[in-house]
Protein backbone atom coordinates (compact mmCIF):
# COMPACT_ATOMS: atom_id res chain seq x y z
CA MET A 1 -86.49 -122.66 -113.95
CA THR A 2 -89.63 -124.01 -112.32
CA ALA A 3 -89.95 -127.69 -113.17
CA LEU A 4 -90.54 -130.22 -110.40
CA ALA A 5 -87.93 -132.87 -109.65
CA HIS A 6 -89.86 -135.57 -111.47
CA GLU A 7 -91.20 -133.42 -114.26
CA ALA A 8 -89.15 -132.06 -117.14
CA PRO A 9 -90.53 -129.20 -119.26
CA THR A 10 -93.03 -130.34 -121.87
CA THR A 11 -92.63 -129.28 -125.49
CA MET A 12 -95.84 -128.39 -127.29
CA GLU A 13 -96.73 -129.31 -130.86
CA VAL A 14 -97.81 -126.49 -133.15
CA PRO A 15 -101.42 -126.82 -134.41
CA GLU A 16 -101.79 -127.88 -138.03
CA ASP A 17 -103.29 -124.53 -139.01
CA MET A 18 -100.12 -122.81 -137.77
CA LEU A 19 -97.53 -124.91 -139.59
CA PRO A 20 -94.09 -123.31 -140.17
CA THR A 21 -94.45 -123.72 -143.94
CA GLU A 22 -97.33 -121.24 -143.88
CA LEU A 23 -96.25 -118.75 -141.24
CA GLY A 24 -92.57 -119.32 -140.55
CA LEU A 25 -91.48 -121.10 -137.40
CA ASP A 26 -91.19 -118.03 -135.17
CA GLU A 27 -94.63 -116.73 -136.11
CA ALA A 28 -96.18 -120.20 -135.76
CA LEU A 29 -94.77 -120.65 -132.27
CA TRP A 30 -95.76 -117.11 -131.30
CA GLN A 31 -99.36 -117.61 -132.38
CA ALA A 32 -99.52 -121.03 -130.70
CA TRP A 33 -98.10 -119.61 -127.47
CA LYS A 34 -100.64 -116.78 -127.41
CA SER A 35 -103.48 -119.27 -127.88
CA LEU A 36 -102.46 -121.53 -124.97
CA GLU A 37 -104.80 -121.94 -122.03
CA LEU A 38 -102.78 -123.54 -119.25
CA PRO A 39 -104.02 -124.92 -115.92
CA GLU A 40 -103.24 -122.83 -112.87
CA GLY A 41 -99.67 -123.40 -111.69
CA PHE A 42 -98.14 -123.85 -115.15
CA ARG A 43 -96.29 -121.46 -117.43
CA ALA A 44 -95.07 -121.55 -121.03
CA GLU A 45 -91.96 -120.09 -122.66
CA ILE A 46 -90.61 -120.06 -126.21
CA VAL A 47 -86.98 -121.22 -126.03
CA GLU A 48 -84.89 -122.09 -129.09
CA GLY A 49 -87.69 -123.20 -131.40
CA PHE A 50 -89.91 -124.93 -128.82
CA ILE A 51 -92.76 -124.02 -126.52
CA GLU A 52 -91.77 -125.36 -123.10
CA VAL A 53 -94.43 -125.79 -120.42
CA SER A 54 -93.35 -126.30 -116.81
CA PRO A 55 -95.10 -126.37 -113.42
CA THR A 56 -94.39 -124.06 -110.54
CA GLY A 57 -91.40 -125.04 -108.42
CA ARG A 58 -91.16 -126.92 -105.19
CA PHE A 59 -90.92 -125.31 -101.75
CA SER A 60 -87.12 -124.85 -101.54
CA HIS A 61 -87.00 -123.38 -105.05
CA GLY A 62 -89.64 -120.80 -104.17
CA LEU A 63 -87.91 -119.89 -100.91
CA THR A 64 -84.66 -119.07 -102.71
CA ILE A 65 -86.47 -116.96 -105.30
CA ASN A 66 -88.35 -114.97 -102.69
CA ARG A 67 -85.29 -114.43 -100.47
CA LEU A 68 -83.45 -113.12 -103.51
CA ARG A 69 -86.24 -110.88 -104.70
CA ARG A 70 -86.72 -109.27 -101.28
CA ALA A 71 -82.97 -108.63 -100.95
CA VAL A 72 -82.72 -107.14 -104.44
CA GLU A 73 -85.72 -104.91 -103.73
CA ARG A 74 -83.98 -103.53 -100.65
CA HIS A 75 -80.86 -102.86 -102.74
CA LEU A 76 -82.94 -101.05 -105.36
CA ASP A 77 -84.87 -98.94 -102.87
CA GLU A 78 -85.04 -95.30 -103.98
CA THR A 79 -83.81 -96.15 -107.51
CA ASP A 80 -85.72 -96.23 -110.78
CA PHE A 81 -85.58 -100.04 -110.93
CA ALA A 82 -87.46 -102.90 -109.27
CA ALA A 83 -87.31 -106.69 -109.00
CA TYR A 84 -90.02 -108.75 -110.73
CA HIS A 85 -91.07 -112.39 -110.68
CA ASP A 86 -93.29 -114.61 -112.83
CA MET A 87 -93.68 -112.21 -115.75
CA ASN A 88 -92.88 -112.54 -119.45
CA VAL A 89 -89.72 -111.08 -120.95
CA ILE A 90 -90.22 -110.70 -124.71
CA HIS A 91 -87.46 -110.65 -127.31
CA GLY A 92 -88.89 -110.59 -130.81
CA MET A 93 -91.18 -113.62 -130.85
CA LYS A 94 -89.33 -115.38 -128.03
CA VAL A 95 -90.77 -115.56 -124.52
CA LEU A 96 -88.71 -116.10 -121.37
CA ILE A 97 -89.91 -116.12 -117.76
CA PRO A 98 -86.95 -115.59 -115.40
CA ASP A 99 -87.27 -116.56 -111.76
CA VAL A 100 -86.30 -112.97 -110.89
CA PHE A 101 -85.45 -110.03 -113.11
CA VAL A 102 -84.70 -106.32 -112.78
CA ALA A 103 -86.42 -103.75 -114.98
CA PRO A 104 -87.74 -100.18 -114.69
CA ARG A 105 -89.84 -99.52 -111.59
CA ASP A 106 -92.28 -97.66 -113.83
CA ALA A 107 -93.46 -100.79 -115.61
CA GLU A 108 -94.94 -98.82 -118.49
CA GLU A 109 -91.38 -97.97 -119.57
CA GLY A 110 -90.70 -101.65 -120.25
CA ARG A 111 -94.14 -102.83 -121.29
CA THR A 112 -94.50 -104.35 -124.75
CA GLU A 113 -97.02 -102.69 -127.05
CA ASP A 114 -99.40 -105.64 -126.74
CA GLY A 115 -99.07 -105.76 -122.97
CA LEU A 116 -97.79 -109.34 -122.88
CA GLY A 117 -94.71 -108.56 -120.83
CA PHE A 118 -91.49 -106.57 -120.58
CA THR A 119 -89.31 -105.90 -123.60
CA ALA A 120 -85.94 -107.62 -123.18
CA SER A 121 -84.13 -104.39 -124.03
CA THR A 122 -85.33 -102.82 -120.75
CA VAL A 123 -84.29 -105.76 -118.55
CA LYS A 124 -80.97 -105.24 -116.75
CA LEU A 125 -80.52 -108.56 -114.93
CA VAL A 126 -82.11 -112.02 -114.91
CA VAL A 127 -81.75 -114.83 -112.38
CA GLU A 128 -82.58 -118.52 -112.72
CA VAL A 129 -82.66 -120.89 -109.75
CA VAL A 130 -81.85 -124.28 -111.25
CA SER A 131 -84.30 -127.14 -110.67
CA PRO A 132 -83.42 -130.84 -110.34
CA GLY A 133 -83.34 -133.12 -113.37
CA HIS A 134 -81.04 -133.24 -116.38
CA GLU A 135 -83.42 -131.51 -118.81
CA ASN A 136 -84.19 -128.73 -116.35
CA GLN A 137 -80.49 -128.14 -115.70
CA GLN A 138 -79.65 -128.09 -119.41
CA ARG A 139 -82.41 -125.60 -119.98
CA ASP A 140 -81.05 -123.04 -117.52
CA ARG A 141 -77.34 -123.73 -117.99
CA VAL A 142 -77.34 -124.01 -121.79
CA ARG A 143 -80.52 -123.09 -123.66
CA LYS A 144 -81.62 -120.11 -121.59
CA ARG A 145 -78.01 -118.95 -121.28
CA ARG A 146 -77.90 -118.69 -125.07
CA ALA A 147 -81.35 -117.10 -125.20
CA TYR A 148 -80.53 -114.39 -122.66
CA ALA A 149 -77.24 -113.63 -124.42
CA ARG A 150 -79.07 -113.46 -127.76
CA ALA A 151 -81.50 -110.97 -126.20
CA GLY A 152 -78.60 -108.84 -124.94
CA ILE A 153 -79.52 -109.14 -121.25
CA PRO A 154 -76.50 -107.52 -119.52
CA VAL A 155 -76.29 -109.82 -116.47
CA TYR A 156 -77.41 -113.45 -116.09
CA VAL A 157 -77.14 -115.11 -112.68
CA LEU A 158 -77.45 -118.86 -112.11
CA ILE A 159 -78.05 -120.17 -108.59
CA ASP A 160 -77.37 -123.88 -108.98
CA ASP A 161 -77.82 -126.45 -106.19
CA TYR A 162 -76.82 -129.20 -108.63
CA ASP A 163 -73.42 -127.92 -109.79
CA ASN A 164 -71.01 -129.82 -107.52
CA HIS A 165 -72.20 -128.84 -104.01
CA GLY A 166 -73.87 -125.62 -105.12
CA THR A 167 -72.53 -122.68 -107.12
CA VAL A 168 -73.47 -119.15 -108.12
CA THR A 169 -72.45 -118.05 -111.62
CA VAL A 170 -72.58 -114.40 -112.74
CA LEU A 171 -72.40 -113.93 -116.51
CA THR A 172 -71.81 -110.52 -118.11
CA SER A 173 -70.79 -108.93 -121.45
CA PRO A 174 -73.33 -110.64 -123.73
CA SER A 175 -72.54 -111.16 -127.40
CA PRO A 176 -75.96 -111.51 -129.07
CA GLY A 177 -74.58 -112.62 -132.42
CA GLU A 178 -72.51 -115.38 -130.84
CA GLU A 179 -75.20 -116.25 -128.26
CA THR A 180 -72.72 -116.24 -125.42
CA TYR A 181 -71.40 -114.21 -122.48
CA ALA A 182 -67.78 -113.14 -122.59
CA ALA A 183 -67.25 -112.82 -118.83
CA SER A 184 -68.10 -115.32 -116.10
CA ILE A 185 -67.59 -115.51 -112.33
CA ARG A 186 -68.40 -118.85 -110.68
CA VAL A 187 -68.13 -119.40 -106.93
CA PRO A 188 -69.23 -122.15 -104.53
CA TYR A 189 -72.02 -121.60 -102.05
CA GLY A 190 -70.64 -119.83 -99.02
CA THR A 191 -68.40 -117.53 -101.10
CA GLU A 192 -69.81 -114.04 -101.56
CA VAL A 193 -70.13 -112.82 -105.14
CA GLN A 194 -71.18 -109.31 -106.14
CA ILE A 195 -73.04 -108.13 -109.22
CA PRO A 196 -70.40 -106.13 -111.14
CA GLU A 197 -72.56 -103.72 -113.17
CA GLY A 198 -75.95 -102.18 -113.76
CA PRO A 199 -78.55 -100.99 -111.25
CA VAL A 200 -77.83 -104.00 -108.99
CA LYS A 201 -74.07 -103.30 -108.97
CA GLY A 202 -72.53 -104.16 -105.61
CA PHE A 203 -75.38 -106.45 -104.54
CA ALA A 204 -73.86 -109.50 -102.81
CA ILE A 205 -75.23 -113.01 -103.18
CA THR A 206 -74.43 -114.83 -99.93
CA GLU A 207 -75.58 -117.78 -97.83
CA ASP A 208 -78.51 -115.66 -96.71
CA ILE A 209 -79.93 -116.33 -100.19
CA THR A 210 -78.43 -119.64 -101.32
CA GLY A 211 -78.15 -121.42 -98.00
CA PRO A 212 -74.89 -123.15 -96.99
CA ARG A 213 -72.73 -125.26 -99.28
CA LEU A 214 -74.41 -128.66 -99.69
CA THR A 215 -72.65 -131.81 -98.43
C-alpha cells in the first residue's frame, strides 16, 4: 500500500462512453484504467470493482520495502526467481501493484501478452507494507487480501505498523472461490517468522526488516 498518512486512495469514475451497461463492469474498468494518464508519483490499481489511485509512500514505508526487497534478493540468489517492486500484477481484468513480489527471474516467463505486467499465475509471493489511515489499512488487510486469494497467489505477507504495536502476518493456502486464505501465522514485531513454502521458503522476516516493536 502506498498512500500517504493524510491521503486515502482515490476511486475513479468510469467515463460515460465506457459505462458498465455497454461493456460490462470489468471491461469498463479495464479500458478506463488503460486510458489513465497519472502524474509522476501516483499509481492506479483495479481492486474489487474500483480504480484506486494512490501516491507513493512516505520515507519509512519506502525504507521497509527496500530493506525487504534487498533481503529477498539475497535469499533468491542463484535461483530462477527474483524480487520485484512497483510493477503490475494482472489477474483477468484486475490490476494489483504489490509493494514487493516474487516472480520468475526471466521476466518474459511471467509477462502478459500485452506487456502491461506479470500474470498473477506466475507470482509466488506478494508483500504489502501497510500505510496509515483507516481506508489504507482496510485496503491491504481486507480488500487486497481477498483479491490476492482470488488470484491464487500462494503467499501473502502483511507488514503492519498499525496492528497493535506492529505485526507480520503470513497467509498461505489460498482458496480462490472463497476469496480467503486457509492458513495464517501472525507474530508481533521482534518475533522471527519464516516463509513456509515456495521459492522464498525459509526466508526469515526479522527486526532487520520491520524495525523493533513499536511502543
